[in-house]
C-alpha atoms as a PDB file:
ATOM      1  CA  UNK A   1     -22.135   2.766  37.696  1.00  0.00           C
ATOM      2  CA  UNK A   2     -23.516   2.840  34.095  1.00  0.00           C
ATOM      3  CA  UNK A   3     -21.100   2.599  31.188  1.00  0.00           C
ATOM      4  CA  UNK A   4     -20.248   5.782  29.297  1.00  0.00           C
ATOM      5  CA  UNK A   5     -22.224   6.160  26.103  1.00  0.00           C
ATOM      6  CA  UNK A   6     -19.993   5.775  23.156  1.00  0.00           C
ATOM      7  CA  UNK A   7     -20.634   8.203  20.260  1.00  0.00           C
ATOM      8  CA  UNK A   8     -21.713   6.998  17.100  1.00  0.00           C
ATOM      9  CA  UNK A   9     -18.850   6.771  14.529  1.00  0.00           C
ATOM     10  CA  UNK A  10     -16.660   4.666  12.114  1.00  0.00           C
ATOM     11  CA  UNK A  11     -12.965   3.841  12.173  1.00  0.00           C
ATOM     12  CA  UNK A  12     -11.767   4.817   8.769  1.00  0.00           C
ATOM     13  CA  UNK A  13      -8.617   4.526   6.520  1.00  0.00           C
ATOM     14  CA  UNK A  14      -7.834   5.010   3.049  1.00  0.00           C
ATOM     15  CA  UNK A  15      -5.891   2.507   1.129  1.00  0.00           C
ATOM     16  CA  UNK A  16      -6.125  -0.355  -1.497  1.00  0.00           C
ATOM     17  CA  UNK A  17      -6.282  -4.115  -1.374  1.00  0.00           C
ATOM     18  CA  UNK A  18      -3.551  -6.340  -2.645  1.00  0.00           C
ATOM     19  CA  UNK A  19      -4.182  -8.152  -5.989  1.00  0.00           C
ATOM     20  CA  UNK A  20      -5.404 -11.709  -5.506  1.00  0.00           C
ATOM     21  CA  UNK A  21      -2.540 -13.625  -7.059  1.00  0.00           C
ATOM     22  CA  UNK A  22       0.112 -11.673  -4.831  1.00  0.00           C
ATOM     23  CA  UNK A  23      -2.128 -12.012  -1.735  1.00  0.00           C
ATOM     24  CA  UNK A  24      -2.474 -15.960  -2.368  1.00  0.00           C
ATOM     25  CA  UNK A  25       1.396 -16.015  -2.636  1.00  0.00           C
ATOM     26  CA  UNK A  26       1.706 -14.067   0.603  1.00  0.00           C
ATOM     27  CA  UNK A  27      -0.902 -16.475   2.317  1.00  0.00           C
ATOM     28  CA  UNK A  28       1.463 -19.497   0.996  1.00  0.00           C
ATOM     29  CA  UNK A  29       4.452 -17.787   2.625  1.00  0.00           C
ATOM     30  CA  UNK A  30       2.371 -16.929   5.851  1.00  0.00           C
ATOM     31  CA  UNK A  31       1.767 -20.931   6.145  1.00  0.00           C
ATOM     32  CA  UNK A  32       5.269 -21.421   6.571  1.00  0.00           C
ATOM     33  CA  UNK A  33       5.913 -18.414   8.723  1.00  0.00           C
ATOM     34  CA  UNK A  34       3.038 -19.450  11.046  1.00  0.00           C
ATOM     35  CA  UNK A  35       4.748 -23.045  11.367  1.00  0.00           C
ATOM     36  CA  UNK A  36       8.076 -21.460  12.049  1.00  0.00           C
ATOM     37  CA  UNK A  37       6.707 -19.050  14.654  1.00  0.00           C
ATOM     38  CA  UNK A  38       4.973 -21.725  16.557  1.00  0.00           C
ATOM     39  CA  UNK A  39       7.961 -23.731  16.553  1.00  0.00           C
ATOM     40  CA  UNK A  40       9.824 -20.778  18.071  1.00  0.00           C
ATOM     41  CA  UNK A  41       7.233 -20.394  20.828  1.00  0.00           C
ATOM     42  CA  UNK A  42       5.962 -16.909  19.393  1.00  0.00           C
ATOM     43  CA  UNK A  43       2.218 -16.144  19.908  1.00  0.00           C
ATOM     44  CA  UNK A  44       1.118 -14.421  16.553  1.00  0.00           C
ATOM     45  CA  UNK A  45      -2.125 -13.273  15.260  1.00  0.00           C
ATOM     46  CA  UNK A  46      -2.268 -13.582  11.666  1.00  0.00           C
ATOM     47  CA  UNK A  47      -4.271 -11.216   9.377  1.00  0.00           C
ATOM     48  CA  UNK A  48      -6.697 -13.063   7.219  1.00  0.00           C
ATOM     49  CA  UNK A  49      -5.832 -13.188   3.496  1.00  0.00           C
ATOM     50  CA  UNK A  50      -8.777 -11.202   2.340  1.00  0.00           C
ATOM     51  CA  UNK A  51      -7.773  -8.286   4.707  1.00  0.00           C
ATOM     52  CA  UNK A  52      -4.067  -7.881   2.934  1.00  0.00           C
ATOM     53  CA  UNK A  53      -3.938  -4.029   2.170  1.00  0.00           C
ATOM     54  CA  UNK A  54      -1.777  -1.051   1.762  1.00  0.00           C
ATOM     55  CA  UNK A  55      -2.744   1.973   4.030  1.00  0.00           C
ATOM     56  CA  UNK A  56      -2.141   5.323   2.505  1.00  0.00           C
ATOM     57  CA  UNK A  57      -3.927   7.382   5.194  1.00  0.00           C
ATOM     58  CA  UNK A  58      -5.260   6.387   8.502  1.00  0.00           C
ATOM     59  CA  UNK A  59      -8.412   8.525   9.553  1.00  0.00           C
ATOM     60  CA  UNK A  60      -9.635   6.965  12.653  1.00  0.00           C
ATOM     61  CA  UNK A  61     -13.002   7.871  14.428  1.00  0.00           C
ATOM     62  CA  UNK A  62     -15.305   9.710  12.086  1.00  0.00           C
ATOM     63  CA  UNK A  63     -18.845  10.578  12.587  1.00  0.00           C
ATOM     64  CA  UNK A  64     -21.208   9.120  10.068  1.00  0.00           C
ATOM     65  CA  UNK A  65     -22.182  12.555   8.594  1.00  0.00           C
ATOM     66  CA  UNK A  66     -18.767  13.394   7.895  1.00  0.00           C
ATOM     67  CA  UNK A  67     -18.155  10.190   5.803  1.00  0.00           C
ATOM     68  CA  UNK A  68     -19.304  12.008   2.623  1.00  0.00           C
ATOM     69  CA  UNK A  69     -16.929  14.954   3.131  1.00  0.00           C
ATOM     70  CA  UNK A  70     -14.090  12.395   3.404  1.00  0.00           C
ATOM     71  CA  UNK A  71     -15.105  10.937   0.205  1.00  0.00           C
ATOM     72  CA  UNK A  72     -15.001  14.275  -1.655  1.00  0.00           C
ATOM     73  CA  UNK A  73     -11.637  15.114  -0.267  1.00  0.00           C
ATOM     74  CA  UNK A  74     -10.171  11.855  -1.314  1.00  0.00           C
ATOM     75  CA  UNK A  75     -11.941  12.152  -4.750  1.00  0.00           C
ATOM     76  CA  UNK A  76     -10.210  15.584  -5.333  1.00  0.00           C
ATOM     77  CA  UNK A  77      -6.669  14.398  -3.928  1.00  0.00           C
ATOM     78  CA  UNK A  78      -6.730  11.705  -6.729  1.00  0.00           C
ATOM     79  CA  UNK A  79      -7.561  13.643  -9.658  1.00  0.00           C
ATOM     80  CA  UNK A  80      -4.848  13.574 -12.314  1.00  0.00           C
ATOM     81  CA  UNK A  81      -3.356  10.158 -10.705  1.00  0.00           C
ATOM     82  CA  UNK A  82      -2.377   7.617 -13.407  1.00  0.00           C
ATOM     83  CA  UNK A  83      -2.758   4.041 -12.711  1.00  0.00           C
ATOM     84  CA  UNK A  84       0.237   2.592 -10.694  1.00  0.00           C
ATOM     85  CA  UNK A  85       1.887  -0.744 -10.040  1.00  0.00           C
ATOM     86  CA  UNK A  86       3.507  -1.852  -6.892  1.00  0.00           C
ATOM     87  CA  UNK A  87       5.365  -5.159  -5.978  1.00  0.00           C
ATOM     88  CA  UNK A  88       5.027  -6.959  -2.889  1.00  0.00           C
ATOM     89  CA  UNK A  89       8.309  -8.130  -1.840  1.00  0.00           C
ATOM     90  CA  UNK A  90      10.288  -8.998   1.320  1.00  0.00           C
ATOM     91  CA  UNK A  91       9.513  -9.946   4.847  1.00  0.00           C
ATOM     92  CA  UNK A  92      10.468  -7.911   7.775  1.00  0.00           C
ATOM     93  CA  UNK A  93       9.338  -6.841  11.296  1.00  0.00           C
ATOM     94  CA  UNK A  94       8.457  -3.673  13.292  1.00  0.00           C
ATOM     95  CA  UNK A  95      10.243  -2.290  15.015  1.00  0.00           C
ATOM     96  CA  UNK A  96      13.120  -4.636  13.986  1.00  0.00           C
ATOM     97  CA  UNK A  97      13.562  -8.437  13.522  1.00  0.00           C
ATOM     98  CA  UNK A  98      15.189  -8.567  17.213  1.00  0.00           C
ATOM     99  CA  UNK A  99      12.249  -6.787  18.854  1.00  0.00           C
ATOM    100  CA  UNK A 100       9.206  -7.228  16.674  1.00  0.00           C
ATOM    101  CA  UNK A 101       5.513  -6.672  17.410  1.00  0.00           C
ATOM    102  CA  UNK A 102       4.390  -6.614  13.695  1.00  0.00           C
ATOM    103  CA  UNK A 103       5.473  -8.983  10.870  1.00  0.00           C
ATOM    104  CA  UNK A 104       5.049  -7.294   7.532  1.00  0.00           C
ATOM    105  CA  UNK A 105       5.650  -7.568   3.790  1.00  0.00           C
ATOM    106  CA  UNK A 106       7.362  -4.775   2.022  1.00  0.00           C
ATOM    107  CA  UNK A 107       5.846  -2.592  -0.897  1.00  0.00           C
ATOM    108  CA  UNK A 108       7.854  -1.334  -3.661  1.00  0.00           C
ATOM    109  CA  UNK A 109       6.632   1.431  -5.835  1.00  0.00           C
ATOM    110  CA  UNK A 110       7.367   0.391  -9.373  1.00  0.00           C
ATOM    111  CA  UNK A 111       5.877   3.451 -11.124  1.00  0.00           C
ATOM    112  CA  UNK A 112       6.506   6.248  -8.866  1.00  0.00           C
ATOM    113  CA  UNK A 113       4.009   8.579  -7.212  1.00  0.00           C
ATOM    114  CA  UNK A 114       2.621   6.481  -4.601  1.00  0.00           C
ATOM    115  CA  UNK A 115       4.117   8.525  -1.736  1.00  0.00           C
ATOM    116  CA  UNK A 116       2.887  11.720  -3.460  1.00  0.00           C
ATOM    117  CA  UNK A 117      -0.635  10.284  -3.563  1.00  0.00           C
ATOM    118  CA  UNK A 118      -0.429   9.538   0.192  1.00  0.00           C
ATOM    119  CA  UNK A 119       0.784  13.131   0.793  1.00  0.00           C
ATOM    120  CA  UNK A 120      -2.215  14.642  -1.160  1.00  0.00           C
ATOM    121  CA  UNK A 121      -4.716  12.394   0.576  1.00  0.00           C
ATOM    122  CA  UNK A 122      -3.059  13.509   3.815  1.00  0.00           C
ATOM    123  CA  UNK A 123      -3.377  17.145   2.845  1.00  0.00           C
ATOM    124  CA  UNK A 124      -7.131  16.703   2.093  1.00  0.00           C
ATOM    125  CA  UNK A 125      -7.811  14.799   5.422  1.00  0.00           C
ATOM    126  CA  UNK A 126      -5.950  17.653   7.152  1.00  0.00           C
ATOM    127  CA  UNK A 127      -8.292  20.342   5.602  1.00  0.00           C
ATOM    128  CA  UNK A 128     -10.993  18.356   7.210  1.00  0.00           C
ATOM    129  CA  UNK A 129      -9.659  18.356  10.776  1.00  0.00           C
ATOM    130  CA  UNK A 130      -7.656  15.107  10.857  1.00  0.00           C
ATOM    131  CA  UNK A 131      -4.106  15.288  12.259  1.00  0.00           C
ATOM    132  CA  UNK A 132      -1.321  15.435   9.689  1.00  0.00           C
ATOM    133  CA  UNK A 133       0.735  12.298   9.259  1.00  0.00           C
ATOM    134  CA  UNK A 134       3.965  12.839  11.091  1.00  0.00           C
ATOM    135  CA  UNK A 135       5.830   9.693   9.747  1.00  0.00           C
ATOM    136  CA  UNK A 136       7.557   9.385   6.441  1.00  0.00           C
ATOM    137  CA  UNK A 137       5.443   7.082   4.048  1.00  0.00           C
ATOM    138  CA  UNK A 138       6.691   3.465   4.337  1.00  0.00           C
ATOM    139  CA  UNK A 139       4.093   1.371   2.655  1.00  0.00           C
ATOM    140  CA  UNK A 140       3.649  -2.268   3.759  1.00  0.00           C
ATOM    141  CA  UNK A 141       1.083  -5.101   4.228  1.00  0.00           C
ATOM    142  CA  UNK A 142       0.693  -6.220   7.911  1.00  0.00           C
ATOM    143  CA  UNK A 143       0.722 -10.050   8.210  1.00  0.00           C
ATOM    144  CA  UNK A 144       0.724 -10.609  11.716  1.00  0.00           C
ATOM    145  CA  UNK A 145       0.878  -8.899  15.167  1.00  0.00           C
ATOM    146  CA  UNK A 146       2.719 -10.407  18.271  1.00  0.00           C
ATOM    147  CA  UNK A 147       1.321 -10.262  21.795  1.00  0.00           C
ATOM    148  CA  UNK A 148       4.507  -8.949  22.862  1.00  0.00           C
ATOM    149  CA  UNK A 149       8.023  -7.633  21.367  1.00  0.00           C
ATOM    150  CA  UNK A 150      10.063 -10.654  20.373  1.00  0.00           C
ATOM    151  CA  UNK A 151      12.808 -11.599  18.176  1.00  0.00           C
ATOM    152  CA  UNK A 152      11.503 -13.164  14.843  1.00  0.00           C
ATOM    153  CA  UNK A 153      14.546 -13.079  12.791  1.00  0.00           C
ATOM    154  CA  UNK A 154      15.032 -16.929  12.905  1.00  0.00           C
ATOM    155  CA  UNK A 155      11.481 -17.499  11.730  1.00  0.00           C
ATOM    156  CA  UNK A 156      11.499 -14.692   9.098  1.00  0.00           C
ATOM    157  CA  UNK A 157      14.989 -14.986   7.575  1.00  0.00           C
ATOM    158  CA  UNK A 158      14.373 -17.827   5.073  1.00  0.00           C
ATOM    159  CA  UNK A 159      11.613 -15.803   3.415  1.00  0.00           C
ATOM    160  CA  UNK A 160      13.070 -12.208   4.072  1.00  0.00           C
ATOM    161  CA  UNK A 161      13.991 -11.721   0.400  1.00  0.00           C
ATOM    162  CA  UNK A 162      10.873 -13.438  -1.267  1.00  0.00           C
ATOM    163  CA  UNK A 163       8.931 -11.755  -4.058  1.00  0.00           C
ATOM    164  CA  UNK A 164       5.131 -12.148  -3.974  1.00  0.00           C
ATOM    165  CA  UNK A 165       3.821 -10.411  -6.967  1.00  0.00           C
ATOM    166  CA  UNK A 166       2.589  -7.129  -8.309  1.00  0.00           C
ATOM    167  CA  UNK A 167      -0.552  -5.228  -7.631  1.00  0.00           C
ATOM    168  CA  UNK A 168      -1.883  -2.713 -10.254  1.00  0.00           C
ATOM    169  CA  UNK A 169      -3.388   0.223  -8.367  1.00  0.00           C
ATOM    170  CA  UNK A 170      -6.191   2.075 -10.326  1.00  0.00           C
ATOM    171  CA  UNK A 171      -7.922   3.788  -7.470  1.00  0.00           C
ATOM    172  CA  UNK A 172      -8.264   3.776  -3.623  1.00  0.00           C
ATOM    173  CA  UNK A 173     -10.913   2.961  -1.284  1.00  0.00           C
ATOM    174  CA  UNK A 174     -12.326   4.146   2.069  1.00  0.00           C
ATOM    175  CA  UNK A 175     -12.599   1.473   4.351  1.00  0.00           C
ATOM    176  CA  UNK A 176     -14.245   1.058   7.838  1.00  0.00           C
ATOM    177  CA  UNK A 177     -12.303  -0.980  10.224  1.00  0.00           C
ATOM    178  CA  UNK A 178     -14.967  -3.166  12.114  1.00  0.00           C
ATOM    179  CA  UNK A 179     -13.861  -5.065  15.231  1.00  0.00           C
ATOM    180  CA  UNK A 180     -15.393  -8.535  15.415  1.00  0.00           C
ATOM    181  CA  UNK A 181     -14.730 -11.468  17.734  1.00  0.00           C
ATOM    182  CA  UNK A 182     -12.550 -13.143  15.262  1.00  0.00           C
ATOM    183  CA  UNK A 183     -10.610  -9.952  14.481  1.00  0.00           C
ATOM    184  CA  UNK A 184     -10.817  -6.800  12.472  1.00  0.00           C
ATOM    185  CA  UNK A 185     -12.962  -6.900   9.140  1.00  0.00           C
ATOM    186  CA  UNK A 186     -12.506  -4.262   6.472  1.00  0.00           C
ATOM    187  CA  UNK A 187     -15.650  -3.014   4.890  1.00  0.00           C
ATOM    188  CA  UNK A 188     -15.211  -0.889   1.563  1.00  0.00           C
ATOM    189  CA  UNK A 189     -17.487   2.148   2.009  1.00  0.00           C
ATOM    190  CA  UNK A 190     -16.519   4.047  -1.168  1.00  0.00           C
ATOM    191  CA  UNK A 191     -14.278   3.010  -3.936  1.00  0.00           C
ATOM    192  CA  UNK A 192     -12.583   5.992  -5.800  1.00  0.00           C
ATOM    193  CA  UNK A 193     -11.069   5.317  -9.293  1.00  0.00           C
ATOM    194  CA  UNK A 194      -8.248   7.519 -10.451  1.00  0.00           C
ATOM    195  CA  UNK A 195      -9.419  10.430 -12.575  1.00  0.00           C
ATOM    196  CA  UNK A 196      -8.092  12.651 -15.331  1.00  0.00           C
ATOM    197  CA  UNK A 197      -7.793  16.312 -14.368  1.00  0.00           C
ATOM    198  CA  UNK A 198     -10.624  18.401 -15.287  1.00  0.00           C
ATOM    199  CA  UNK A 199     -13.414  15.808 -14.634  1.00  0.00           C
ATOM    200  CA  UNK A 200     -13.726  17.133 -10.994  1.00  0.00           C
ATOM    201  CA  UNK A 201     -13.513  20.280  -8.995  1.00  0.00           C
ATOM    202  CA  UNK A 202      -9.957  21.574  -8.019  1.00  0.00           C
ATOM    203  CA  UNK A 203      -8.754  22.402  -4.524  1.00  0.00           C
ATOM    204  CA  UNK A 204      -9.157  21.113  -1.316  1.00  0.00           C
ATOM    205  CA  UNK A 205     -12.669  21.138   0.259  1.00  0.00           C
ATOM    206  CA  UNK A 206     -12.939  23.507   2.985  1.00  0.00           C
ATOM    207  CA  UNK A 207     -12.824  22.312   6.640  1.00  0.00           C
ATOM    208  CA  UNK A 208     -15.933  20.580   7.801  1.00  0.00           C
ATOM    209  CA  UNK A 209     -16.976  21.326  11.292  1.00  0.00           C
ATOM    210  CA  UNK A 210     -17.224  17.858  13.226  1.00  0.00           C
ATOM    211  CA  UNK A 211     -15.510  16.022  10.564  1.00  0.00           C
ATOM    212  CA  UNK A 212     -13.427  14.235  13.535  1.00  0.00           C
ATOM    213  CA  UNK A 213     -13.674  14.333  17.206  1.00  0.00           C
ATOM    214  CA  UNK A 214     -10.314  13.540  18.652  1.00  0.00           C
ATOM    215  CA  UNK A 215     -11.538  13.564  22.065  1.00  0.00           C
ATOM    216  CA  UNK A 216     -14.088  10.897  21.348  1.00  0.00           C
ATOM    217  CA  UNK A 217     -11.238   8.887  19.576  1.00  0.00           C
ATOM    218  CA  UNK A 218      -9.032   9.018  22.436  1.00  0.00           C
ATOM    219  CA  UNK A 219     -11.809   8.079  24.873  1.00  0.00           C
ATOM    220  CA  UNK A 220     -12.678   5.242  22.835  1.00  0.00           C
ATOM    221  CA  UNK A 221      -8.834   4.020  23.338  1.00  0.00           C
ATOM    222  CA  UNK A 222      -8.321   3.842  19.476  1.00  0.00           C
ATOM    223  CA  UNK A 223      -5.078   2.475  18.263  1.00  0.00           C
ATOM    224  CA  UNK A 224      -2.773   4.802  16.221  1.00  0.00           C
ATOM    225  CA  UNK A 225      -3.271   2.920  12.929  1.00  0.00           C
ATOM    226  CA  UNK A 226      -5.546   0.499  11.292  1.00  0.00           C
ATOM    227  CA  UNK A 227      -2.962  -2.138  11.676  1.00  0.00           C
ATOM    228  CA  UNK A 228      -1.447  -1.271  15.048  1.00  0.00           C
ATOM    229  CA  UNK A 229       1.610   0.289  13.413  1.00  0.00           C
ATOM    230  CA  UNK A 230       2.493   3.064  15.736  1.00  0.00           C
ATOM    231  CA  UNK A 231       2.824   6.733  14.670  1.00  0.00           C
ATOM    232  CA  UNK A 232       6.201   8.151  14.591  1.00  0.00           C
ATOM    233  CA  UNK A 233       7.970   4.982  13.482  1.00  0.00           C
ATOM    234  CA  UNK A 234       9.148   3.446  10.366  1.00  0.00           C
ATOM    235  CA  UNK A 235       9.506  -0.192   9.177  1.00  0.00           C
ATOM    236  CA  UNK A 236      12.939  -1.888   9.796  1.00  0.00           C
ATOM    237  CA  UNK A 237      13.903  -5.362   8.615  1.00  0.00           C
END
């Protein structure tokens, strides 16, 4: 029996990368965390430093011809957004430190507006046919995924309150998540700088037929988010 033909498409999300100094600080902490988890007998897959990012909207399967519509919707959503600053701080686990499948670093919004930006991007995506995000916005940087739910409190606790540095956010990017033998790689398709209101058209683009095919997405066994964080849940230290 022949394998089913998978439709052409890209797994997309909207977000921004962590600044290099903060990413390097996280990487240093991860060296300690990795050693401590190994000593505790925990099997964890660590995210490469170059992949550290904050997701604002997970889009999932998108047909190639719809990518430009996504870019236009995000460009509209960020109009009038001033530069922001976030602090990368604290280490936690999802769903909790006692039953974790993900180890994450927290993101503190120092200037305000990050949740509103995520909501505007979400509304723009919904207008294109993507599902609305049902969760409250809880920004984070995924550091590792565990093969099974395990307690990580003893490994994480010494670093739980550590600060890792700031990231200045002057725009967002549309990323393609590519699955490779060594793990996921994030390819930046479009970088979208924050703009002053009036430099771009207003309003949300009209719904584009075929922008997203949810049936195909489910058929491909696509995870709920770009980093494996299930929908309907929030981070919990």
